[in-house]
C-alpha atoms as a PDB file:
ATOM      1  CA  MET A   1      33.170  60.547 -83.595  1.00  0.00           C
ATOM      2  CA  ALA A   2      32.720  56.853 -83.995  1.00  0.00           C
ATOM      3  CA  THR A   3      31.621  55.351 -87.503  1.00  0.00           C
ATOM      4  CA  TRP A   4      32.221  52.845 -89.707  1.00  0.00           C
ATOM      5  CA  LYS A   5      35.432  52.645 -91.844  1.00  0.00           C
ATOM      6  CA  LYS A   6      35.912  50.377 -94.899  1.00  0.00           C
ATOM      7  CA  ILE A   7      39.158  49.131 -95.178  1.00  0.00           C
ATOM      8  CA  ILE A   8      40.552  48.491 -99.269  1.00  0.00           C
ATOM      9  CA  VAL A   9      43.704  46.220 -99.197  1.00  0.00           C
ATOM     10  CA  SER A  10      45.329  48.007-102.462  1.00  0.00           C
ATOM     11  CA  GLY A  11      48.472  47.447-104.657  1.00  0.00           C
ATOM     12  CA  SER A  12      49.848  45.583-106.961  1.00  0.00           C
ATOM     13  CA  ASN A  13      49.548  41.840-105.792  1.00  0.00           C
ATOM     14  CA  ALA A  14      49.333  43.218-101.946  1.00  0.00           C
ATOM     15  CA  HIS A  15      50.141  40.395 -99.797  1.00  0.00           C
ATOM     16  CA  LEU A  16      50.485  40.400 -95.961  1.00  0.00           C
ATOM     17  CA  ALA A  17      53.972  40.521 -95.599  1.00  0.00           C
ATOM     18  CA  GLN A  18      53.577  43.848 -97.865  1.00  0.00           C
ATOM     19  CA  ILE A  19      51.384  45.992 -95.707  1.00  0.00           C
ATOM     20  CA  THR A  20      53.541  48.547 -94.421  1.00  0.00           C
ATOM     21  CA  SER A  21      51.948  51.775 -93.883  1.00  0.00           C
ATOM     22  CA  SER A  22      47.725  52.704 -93.150  1.00  0.00           C
ATOM     23  CA  VAL A  23      45.911  55.985 -94.082  1.00  0.00           C
ATOM     24  CA  LEU A  24      42.950  57.365 -93.492  1.00  0.00           C
ATOM     25  CA  THR A  25      41.367  58.149 -97.116  1.00  0.00           C
ATOM     26  CA  ASN A  26      37.871  59.561 -97.383  1.00  0.00           C
ATOM     27  CA  GLY A  27      36.514  58.056 -93.918  1.00  0.00           C
ATOM     28  CA  ASN A  28      37.960  54.694 -95.016  1.00  0.00           C
ATOM     29  CA  LEU A  29      41.505  52.874 -93.750  1.00  0.00           C
ATOM     30  CA  VAL A  30      43.675  52.400 -96.538  1.00  0.00           C
ATOM     31  CA  ILE A  31      46.548  49.845 -95.941  1.00  0.00           C
ATOM     32  CA  ALA A  32      48.754  49.946 -99.342  1.00  0.00           C
ATOM     33  CA  GLY A  33      51.249  47.014-100.128  1.00  0.00           C
ATOM     34  CA  VAL A  34      53.999  49.061-101.317  1.00  0.00           C
ATOM     35  CA  GLY A  35      56.611  46.079-100.063  1.00  0.00           C
ATOM     36  CA  GLY A  36      59.166  45.324 -97.483  1.00  0.00           C
ATOM     37  CA  ALA A  37      57.886  43.978 -93.990  1.00  0.00           C
ATOM     38  CA  LEU A  38      55.100  44.544 -91.541  1.00  0.00           C
ATOM     39  CA  GLN A  39      56.155  47.123 -88.799  1.00  0.00           C
ATOM     40  CA  ASN A  40      54.066  47.609 -85.410  1.00  0.00           C
ATOM     41  CA  SER A  41      50.796  47.317 -86.621  1.00  0.00           C
ATOM     42  CA  GLY A  42      49.621  44.576 -84.371  1.00  0.00           C
ATOM     43  CA  LEU A  43      48.108  43.037 -87.033  1.00  0.00           C
ATOM     44  CA  THR A  44      47.468  39.465 -87.152  1.00  0.00           C
ATOM     45  CA  PHE A  45      45.707  37.015 -89.183  1.00  0.00           C
ATOM     46  CA  SER A  46      43.864  33.846 -88.860  1.00  0.00           C
ATOM     47  CA  GLY A  47      41.961  31.637 -91.328  1.00  0.00           C
ATOM     48  CA  SER A  48      39.583  34.578 -93.134  1.00  0.00           C
ATOM     49  CA  ILE A  49      39.653  37.119 -90.206  1.00  0.00           C
ATOM     50  CA  PHE A  50      42.492  39.831 -90.115  1.00  0.00           C
ATOM     51  CA  ASN A  51      42.962  41.041 -86.277  1.00  0.00           C
ATOM     52  CA  ILE A  52      44.266  43.955 -85.472  1.00  0.00           C
ATOM     53  CA  GLY A  53      44.281  44.517 -81.417  1.00  0.00           C
ATOM     54  CA  SER A  54      40.794  43.211 -80.367  1.00  0.00           C
ATOM     55  CA  ASN A  55      38.858  44.377 -83.707  1.00  0.00           C
ATOM     56  CA  SER A  56      38.674  41.490 -86.438  1.00  0.00           C
ATOM     57  CA  ILE A  57      38.217  41.956 -90.836  1.00  0.00           C
ATOM     58  CA  ILE A  58      36.714  39.491 -92.171  1.00  0.00           C
ATOM     59  CA  SER A  59      37.505  39.104 -96.004  1.00  0.00           C
ATOM     60  CA  THR A  60      33.927  38.645 -97.874  1.00  0.00           C
ATOM     61  CA  GLY A  61      32.537  39.772-101.451  1.00  0.00           C
ATOM     62  CA  THR A  62      32.968  37.631-104.978  1.00  0.00           C
ATOM     63  CA  GLY A  63      36.563  39.605-105.259  1.00  0.00           C
ATOM     64  CA  SER A  64      38.202  38.499-101.928  1.00  0.00           C
ATOM     65  CA  ILE A  65      41.520  37.026-102.295  1.00  0.00           C
ATOM     66  CA  LEU A  66      44.001  35.736 -99.776  1.00  0.00           C
ATOM     67  CA  THR A  67      47.361  34.228-100.840  1.00  0.00           C
ATOM     68  CA  GLY A  68      49.761  32.758 -98.467  1.00  0.00           C
ATOM     69  CA  SER A  69      49.192  29.952 -96.285  1.00  0.00           C
ATOM     70  CA  PHE A  70      47.352  30.019 -93.162  1.00  0.00           C
ATOM     71  CA  SER A  71      45.113  27.686 -90.374  1.00  0.00           C
ATOM     72  CA  GLY A  72      41.866  27.840 -89.232  1.00  0.00           C
ATOM     73  CA  SER A  73      38.155  28.482 -91.314  1.00  0.00           C
ATOM     74  CA  PHE A  74      36.823  29.940 -94.381  1.00  0.00           C
ATOM     75  CA  ARG A  75      33.325  31.143 -95.710  1.00  0.00           C
ATOM     76  CA  GLY A  76      31.931  30.273 -98.530  1.00  0.00           C
ATOM     77  CA  ASP A  77      31.442  27.235-100.208  1.00  0.00           C
ATOM     78  CA  GLY A  78      35.371  27.079-100.973  1.00  0.00           C
ATOM     79  CA  SER A  79      35.015  27.213-105.097  1.00  0.00           C
ATOM     80  CA  GLY A  80      37.677  29.758-104.691  1.00  0.00           C
ATOM     81  CA  LEU A  81      40.696  27.405-103.218  1.00  0.00           C
ATOM     82  CA  THR A  82      42.954  24.957-105.199  1.00  0.00           C
ATOM     83  CA  GLY A  83      44.937  21.703-104.229  1.00  0.00           C
ATOM     84  CA  LEU A  84      41.296  20.311-102.866  1.00  0.00           C
ATOM     85  CA  ALA A  85      39.536  17.333-103.789  1.00  0.00           C
ATOM     86  CA  THR A  86      36.111  18.579-105.528  1.00  0.00           C
ATOM     87  CA  ASN A  87      35.176  15.081-107.017  1.00  0.00           C
ATOM     88  CA  LEU A  88      33.770  12.570-105.290  1.00  0.00           C
ATOM     89  CA  ASP A  89      34.032   8.722-107.041  1.00  0.00           C
ATOM     90  CA  ILE A  90      31.706   6.221-106.208  1.00  0.00           C
ATOM     91  CA  SER A  91      31.040   2.546-107.770  1.00  0.00           C
ATOM     92  CA  GLY A  92      29.077  -0.507-106.835  1.00  0.00           C
ATOM     93  CA  SER A  93      29.164  -3.806-107.461  1.00  0.00           C
ATOM     94  CA  ASN A  94      26.358  -2.696-110.750  1.00  0.00           C
ATOM     95  CA  GLY A  95      26.937  -0.182-113.135  1.00  0.00           C
ATOM     96  CA  THR A  96      29.218   2.242-114.316  1.00  0.00           C
ATOM     97  CA  GLY A  97      29.663   4.411-111.383  1.00  0.00           C
ATOM     98  CA  ILE A  98      29.038   7.512-110.729  1.00  0.00           C
ATOM     99  CA  THR A  99      31.060  11.313-109.904  1.00  0.00           C
ATOM    100  CA  ILE A 100      29.282  13.609-107.951  1.00  0.00           C
ATOM    101  CA  ASN A 101      30.677  17.319-107.748  1.00  0.00           C
ATOM    102  CA  LEU A 102      31.278  18.336-103.814  1.00  0.00           C
ATOM    103  CA  VAL A 103      30.591  22.037-104.591  1.00  0.00           C
ATOM    104  CA  THR A 104      27.933  22.245-106.799  1.00  0.00           C
ATOM    105  CA  GLN A 105      26.213  18.657-106.325  1.00  0.00           C
ATOM    106  CA  ASP A 106      23.935  16.542-103.584  1.00  0.00           C
ATOM    107  CA  LEU A 107      24.780  12.506-103.005  1.00  0.00           C
ATOM    108  CA  THR A 108      21.187  10.820-102.884  1.00  0.00           C
ATOM    109  CA  ILE A 109      20.803   7.283-101.363  1.00  0.00           C
ATOM    110  CA  GLY A 110      18.035   6.130-102.719  1.00  0.00           C
ATOM    111  CA  GLY A 111      16.213   2.854-101.771  1.00  0.00           C
ATOM    112  CA  THR A 112      14.331  -0.018-103.912  1.00  0.00           C
ATOM    113  CA  ALA A 113      10.803  -0.240-103.020  1.00  0.00           C
ATOM    114  CA  ASN A 114       9.863  -3.433-100.808  1.00  0.00           C
ATOM    115  CA  GLU A 115      13.560  -4.249-100.962  1.00  0.00           C
ATOM    116  CA  ILE A 116      15.907  -1.422 -99.401  1.00  0.00           C
ATOM    117  CA  GLU A 117      14.848   1.730 -97.142  1.00  0.00           C
ATOM    118  CA  THR A 118      17.053   4.984 -96.892  1.00  0.00           C
ATOM    119  CA  SER A 119      16.860   7.522 -94.139  1.00  0.00           C
ATOM    120  CA  ALA A 120      18.997  10.519 -92.854  1.00  0.00           C
ATOM    121  CA  ALA A 121      19.283  12.094 -89.857  1.00  0.00           C
ATOM    122  CA  GLY A 122      21.703  14.004 -88.026  1.00  0.00           C
ATOM    123  CA  THR A 123      24.909  13.071 -89.242  1.00  0.00           C
ATOM    124  CA  THR A 124      23.981   9.422 -89.836  1.00  0.00           C
ATOM    125  CA  ILE A 125      22.463   7.626 -92.837  1.00  0.00           C
ATOM    126  CA  THR A 126      20.743   3.996 -91.956  1.00  0.00           C
ATOM    127  CA  ILE A 127      19.938   1.598 -94.708  1.00  0.00           C
ATOM    128  CA  GLY A 128      17.661  -1.315 -93.791  1.00  0.00           C
ATOM    129  CA  LEU A 129      14.953  -3.363 -94.996  1.00  0.00           C
ATOM    130  CA  PRO A 130      11.188  -2.795 -94.578  1.00  0.00           C
ATOM    131  CA  ASN A 131       8.562  -4.266 -93.254  1.00  0.00           C
ATOM    132  CA  ASP A 132       7.084  -6.262 -96.064  1.00  0.00           C
ATOM    133  CA  VAL A 133       9.781  -7.016 -98.061  1.00  0.00           C
ATOM    134  CA  THR A 134       9.636  -8.251-101.804  1.00  0.00           C
ATOM    135  CA  ILE A 135      13.281 -10.305-103.266  1.00  0.00           C
ATOM    136  CA  GLY A 136      12.673 -10.199-106.954  1.00  0.00           C
ATOM    137  CA  GLN A 137      14.474 -13.370-108.392  1.00  0.00           C
ATOM    138  CA  ASP A 138      15.942 -16.471-106.105  1.00  0.00           C
ATOM    139  CA  LEU A 139      16.878 -16.092-102.355  1.00  0.00           C
ATOM    140  CA  THR A 140      19.304 -18.569-101.255  1.00  0.00           C
ATOM    141  CA  VAL A 141      19.533 -18.980 -97.035  1.00  0.00           C
ATOM    142  CA  ASN A 142      23.174 -20.586 -95.867  1.00  0.00           C
ATOM    143  CA  ARG A 143      21.311 -21.085 -92.270  1.00  0.00           C
ATOM    144  CA  ASN A 144      17.755 -21.565 -90.485  1.00  0.00           C
ATOM    145  CA  LEU A 145      14.635 -20.155 -91.508  1.00  0.00           C
ATOM    146  CA  THR A 146      12.253 -19.170 -89.086  1.00  0.00           C
ATOM    147  CA  VAL A 147       8.811 -18.512 -90.165  1.00  0.00           C
ATOM    148  CA  LEU A 148       6.666 -16.533 -87.379  1.00  0.00           C
ATOM    149  CA  GLY A 149       3.482 -16.519 -89.695  1.00  0.00           C
ATOM    150  CA  THR A 150       1.752 -18.204 -92.742  1.00  0.00           C
ATOM    151  CA  ALA A 151       4.340 -19.431 -95.217  1.00  0.00           C
ATOM    152  CA  SER A 152       2.426 -19.356 -97.958  1.00  0.00           C
ATOM    153  CA  PHE A 153       3.991 -21.293-101.507  1.00  0.00           C
ATOM    154  CA  GLN A 154       2.454 -20.399-104.822  1.00  0.00           C
ATOM    155  CA  HIS A 155       2.929 -21.298-108.660  1.00  0.00           C
ATOM    156  CA  THR A 156       5.131 -24.626-107.036  1.00  0.00           C
ATOM    157  CA  GLU A 157       4.669 -27.892-109.444  1.00  0.00           C
ATOM    158  CA  ASP A 158       6.769 -29.764-107.045  1.00  0.00           C
ATOM    159  CA  LEU A 159       7.918 -29.652-103.551  1.00  0.00           C
ATOM    160  CA  ASP A 160      11.317 -31.719-102.601  1.00  0.00           C
ATOM    161  CA  VAL A 161      12.141 -32.151 -99.196  1.00  0.00           C
ATOM    162  CA  ALA A 162      14.869 -33.432 -98.436  1.00  0.00           C
ATOM    163  CA  ASP A 163      13.829 -34.647 -94.695  1.00  0.00           C
ATOM    164  CA  ARG A 164      12.644 -37.929 -94.023  1.00  0.00           C
ATOM    165  CA  PHE A 165      10.204 -36.897 -91.518  1.00  0.00           C
ATOM    166  CA  ILE A 166       7.425 -33.686 -91.659  1.00  0.00           C
ATOM    167  CA  ARG A 167       6.555 -32.747 -88.207  1.00  0.00           C
ATOM    168  CA  LEU A 168       3.036 -30.587 -88.794  1.00  0.00           C
ATOM    169  CA  ALA A 169       2.154 -28.940 -85.526  1.00  0.00           C
ATOM    170  CA  SER A 170       5.634 -28.191 -84.661  1.00  0.00           C
ATOM    171  CA  GLY A 171       6.219 -26.884 -81.236  1.00  0.00           C
ATOM    172  CA  SER A 172       2.390 -28.164 -79.964  1.00  0.00           C
ATOM    173  CA  ASN A 173       1.956 -29.292 -76.213  1.00  0.00           C
ATOM    174  CA  ALA A 174      -1.393 -30.666 -76.572  1.00  0.00           C
ATOM    175  CA  ALA A 175      -2.941 -33.058 -78.810  1.00  0.00           C
ATOM    176  CA  GLY A 176      -4.957 -32.361 -81.288  1.00  0.00           C
ATOM    177  CA  ASP A 177      -5.806 -33.076 -85.291  1.00  0.00           C
ATOM    178  CA  GLY A 178      -3.654 -32.294 -88.393  1.00  0.00           C
ATOM    179  CA  GLY A 179      -3.732 -33.882 -91.872  1.00  0.00           C
ATOM    180  CA  ILE A 180      -2.786 -32.866 -95.351  1.00  0.00           C
ATOM    181  CA  ALA A 181      -5.958 -31.049 -97.162  1.00  0.00           C
ATOM    182  CA  ILE A 182      -5.587 -30.806-101.077  1.00  0.00           C
ATOM    183  CA  GLN A 183      -7.890 -27.839-102.463  1.00  0.00           C
ATOM    184  CA  GLN A 184     -10.285 -28.834-104.501  1.00  0.00           C
ATOM    185  CA  THR A 185     -13.030 -25.862-106.063  1.00  0.00           C
ATOM    186  CA  ASN A 186     -12.102 -23.558-104.069  1.00  0.00           C
ATOM    187  CA  ALA A 187     -10.497 -22.824-100.529  1.00  0.00           C
ATOM    188  CA  THR A 188     -13.073 -24.407 -98.228  1.00  0.00           C
ATOM    189  CA  ASN A 189     -13.175 -27.706-100.437  1.00  0.00           C
ATOM    190  CA  ALA A 190     -10.087 -29.849-100.004  1.00  0.00           C
ATOM    191  CA  GLU A 191      -9.637 -33.644 -99.938  1.00  0.00           C
ATOM    192  CA  ALA A 192      -8.167 -34.118 -96.848  1.00  0.00           C
ATOM    193  CA  PHE A 193      -5.995 -37.185 -95.195  1.00  0.00           C
ATOM    194  CA  GLY A 194      -5.310 -36.791 -91.645  1.00  0.00           C
ATOM    195  CA  PHE A 195      -5.126 -37.734 -87.758  1.00  0.00           C
ATOM    196  CA  ASP A 196      -8.387 -37.829 -85.874  1.00  0.00           C
ATOM    197  CA  SER A 197      -6.683 -37.277 -81.973  1.00  0.00           C
ATOM    198  CA  GLY A 198     -10.347 -37.903 -80.643  1.00  0.00           C
ATOM    199  CA  ALA A 199     -10.362 -41.583 -82.295  1.00  0.00           C
ATOM    200  CA  THR A 200      -6.369 -41.937 -82.641  1.00  0.00           C
ATOM    201  CA  ARG A 201      -7.042 -43.263 -86.151  1.00  0.00           C
ATOM    202  CA  TRP A 202      -6.060 -41.889 -89.261  1.00  0.00           C
ATOM    203  CA  GLY A 203      -9.006 -41.164 -92.047  1.00  0.00           C
ATOM    204  CA  VAL A 204     -10.326 -38.871 -94.900  1.00  0.00           C
ATOM    205  CA  THR A 205     -12.984 -37.046 -95.713  1.00  0.00           C
ATOM    206  CA  GLY A 206     -14.435 -34.706 -98.315  1.00  0.00           C
ATOM    207  CA  SER A 207     -15.402 -31.058 -98.118  1.00  0.00           C
ATOM    208  CA  PHE A 208     -12.907 -29.835 -96.014  1.00  0.00           C
ATOM    209  CA  ASP A 209     -12.079 -26.184 -94.872  1.00  0.00           C
ATOM    210  CA  ALA A 210      -8.318 -26.235 -94.653  1.00  0.00           C
ATOM    211  CA  SER A 211      -8.363 -22.953 -92.670  1.00  0.00           C
ATOM    212  CA  GLN A 212      -9.866 -25.591 -89.385  1.00  0.00           C
ATOM    213  CA  ASN A 213      -8.002 -27.017 -86.485  1.00  0.00           C
ATOM    214  CA  ALA A 214     -10.613 -29.659 -86.573  1.00  0.00           C
ATOM    215  CA  PHE A 215     -10.852 -32.757 -88.635  1.00  0.00           C
ATOM    216  CA  THR A 216     -13.826 -35.245 -88.603  1.00  0.00           C
ATOM    217  CA  PRO A 217     -13.339 -38.117 -90.726  1.00  0.00           C
ATOM    218  CA  ASP A 218     -15.975 -39.312 -93.183  1.00  0.00           C
ATOM    219  CA  ALA A 219     -14.294 -42.943 -93.052  1.00  0.00           C
ATOM    220  CA  PHE A 220     -11.258 -44.462 -91.088  1.00  0.00           C
ATOM    221  CA  MET A 221      -8.023 -46.320 -91.991  1.00  0.00           C
ATOM    222  CA  ALA A 222      -7.777 -50.033 -91.869  1.00  0.00           C
ATOM    223  CA  LEU A 223      -4.592 -51.510 -90.453  1.00  0.00           C
ATOM    224  CA  SER A 224      -3.310 -54.447 -91.094  1.00  0.00           C
ATOM    225  CA  LEU A 225      -1.292 -56.063 -87.951  1.00  0.00           C
ATOM    226  CA  VAL A 226       1.347 -58.824 -88.025  1.00  0.00           C
ATOM    227  CA  GLY A 227       1.343 -60.592 -84.424  1.00  0.00           C
ATOM    228  CA  VAL A 228       4.142 -62.603 -83.093  1.00  0.00           C
ATOM    229  CA  GLY A 229       1.771 -65.252 -81.767  1.00  0.00           C
ATOM    230  CA  THR A 230      -2.088 -66.039 -82.888  1.00  0.00           C
ATOM    231  CA  ASP A 231      -3.762 -64.457 -80.259  1.00  0.00           C
ATOM    232  CA  PRO A 232      -5.637 -60.684 -81.801  1.00  0.00           C
ATOM    233  CA  THR A 233      -6.000 -59.556 -77.746  1.00  0.00           C
ATOM    234  CA  VAL A 234      -2.839 -58.823 -76.726  1.00  0.00           C
ATOM    235  CA  VAL A 235      -2.107 -55.793 -79.773  1.00  0.00           C
ATOM    236  CA  ALA A 236      -2.408 -52.217 -77.900  1.00  0.00           C
ATOM    237  CA  ALA A 237      -5.938 -51.771 -77.569  1.00  0.00           C
ATOM    238  CA  ARG A 238      -5.429 -48.134 -79.877  1.00  0.00           C
ATOM    239  CA  TYR A 239      -5.261 -50.628 -82.735  1.00  0.00           C
ATOM    240  CA  GLN A 240      -8.553 -53.045 -81.477  1.00  0.00           C
ATOM    241  CA  VAL A 241     -11.006 -50.840 -83.244  1.00  0.00           C
ATOM    242  CA  LYS A 242     -13.267 -51.520 -85.887  1.00  0.00           C
ATOM    243  CA  GLY A 243     -12.060 -52.536 -89.421  1.00  0.00           C
ATOM    244  CA  ASN A 244      -8.485 -53.714 -88.402  1.00  0.00           C
ATOM    245  CA  ILE A 245      -6.964 -56.687 -89.470  1.00  0.00           C
ATOM    246  CA  PHE A 246      -4.696 -59.012 -87.535  1.00  0.00           C
ATOM    247  CA  ILE A 247      -2.686 -61.724 -89.105  1.00  0.00           C
ATOM    248  CA  GLY A 248      -1.524 -64.408 -86.324  1.00  0.00           C
ATOM    249  CA  SER A 249       1.776 -66.463 -87.002  1.00  0.00           C
ATOM    250  CA  ASP A 250      -0.306 -68.969 -87.974  1.00  0.00           C
ATOM    251  CA  GLU A 251      -1.512 -67.131 -90.873  1.00  0.00           C
ATOM    252  CA  GLY A 252      -5.391 -67.202 -89.450  1.00  0.00           C
ATOM    253  CA  ILE A 253      -6.516 -63.374 -90.182  1.00  0.00           C
ATOM    254  CA  TRP A 254      -9.205 -61.548 -87.465  1.00  0.00           C
ATOM    255  CA  ILE A 255     -10.529 -58.448 -88.171  1.00  0.00           C
ATOM    256  CA  TYR A 256     -12.519 -56.348 -85.662  1.00  0.00           C
ATOM    257  CA  SER A 257     -15.876 -55.785 -85.373  1.00  0.00           C
END
């Protein structure tokens, strides 16, 4: 009758090369280690599996011990194996470093809120920047910095710009107003100095809302034109507007009104 039989390997320090005989005792197959060589049993070993013909014996249980050398795979956490690396030492640019026990501990790669985020899927760990990034201290950019949205500078006492010219409305392909606004009591109350594109003149205004793209001066800037001759009508038409002064080469003074 075909039934399940328990296989017991017995004997003092029984090894594969010492197995020479097998008997059926109380319904169990007992393989005794009594010394000598394995003879004509068809017993082979691969990984954690004994192969007898087309059948296999898998070493399981807390007391299972296999000695000698073998190739293949094993089941379990490997705590019973010797000669294997069980610790992973990790060091960083800061701190004292950590040691991970590969048998009992998991390695966690964490991020920093608003600075670095991490994610794990399958066999891949991804480290990147979140959508909103906060830099806790100084940031140095060695190449170009492109801001596609709004750039706001807060708590700055002085702004130093190495460039000799500041171009406002950069990228514009149409004429328009622009200028500099100095906030007064609130965001919609500023003193502005700007260029009125419609009048083609520079001017000033108060109570200006800097969020607007249109600029209507309360007063225009008067310009002083130094001529190479004595005729003020030869200056460009855009400067022939009320309030501008022409000074001829003969030191004659003219005002446009």
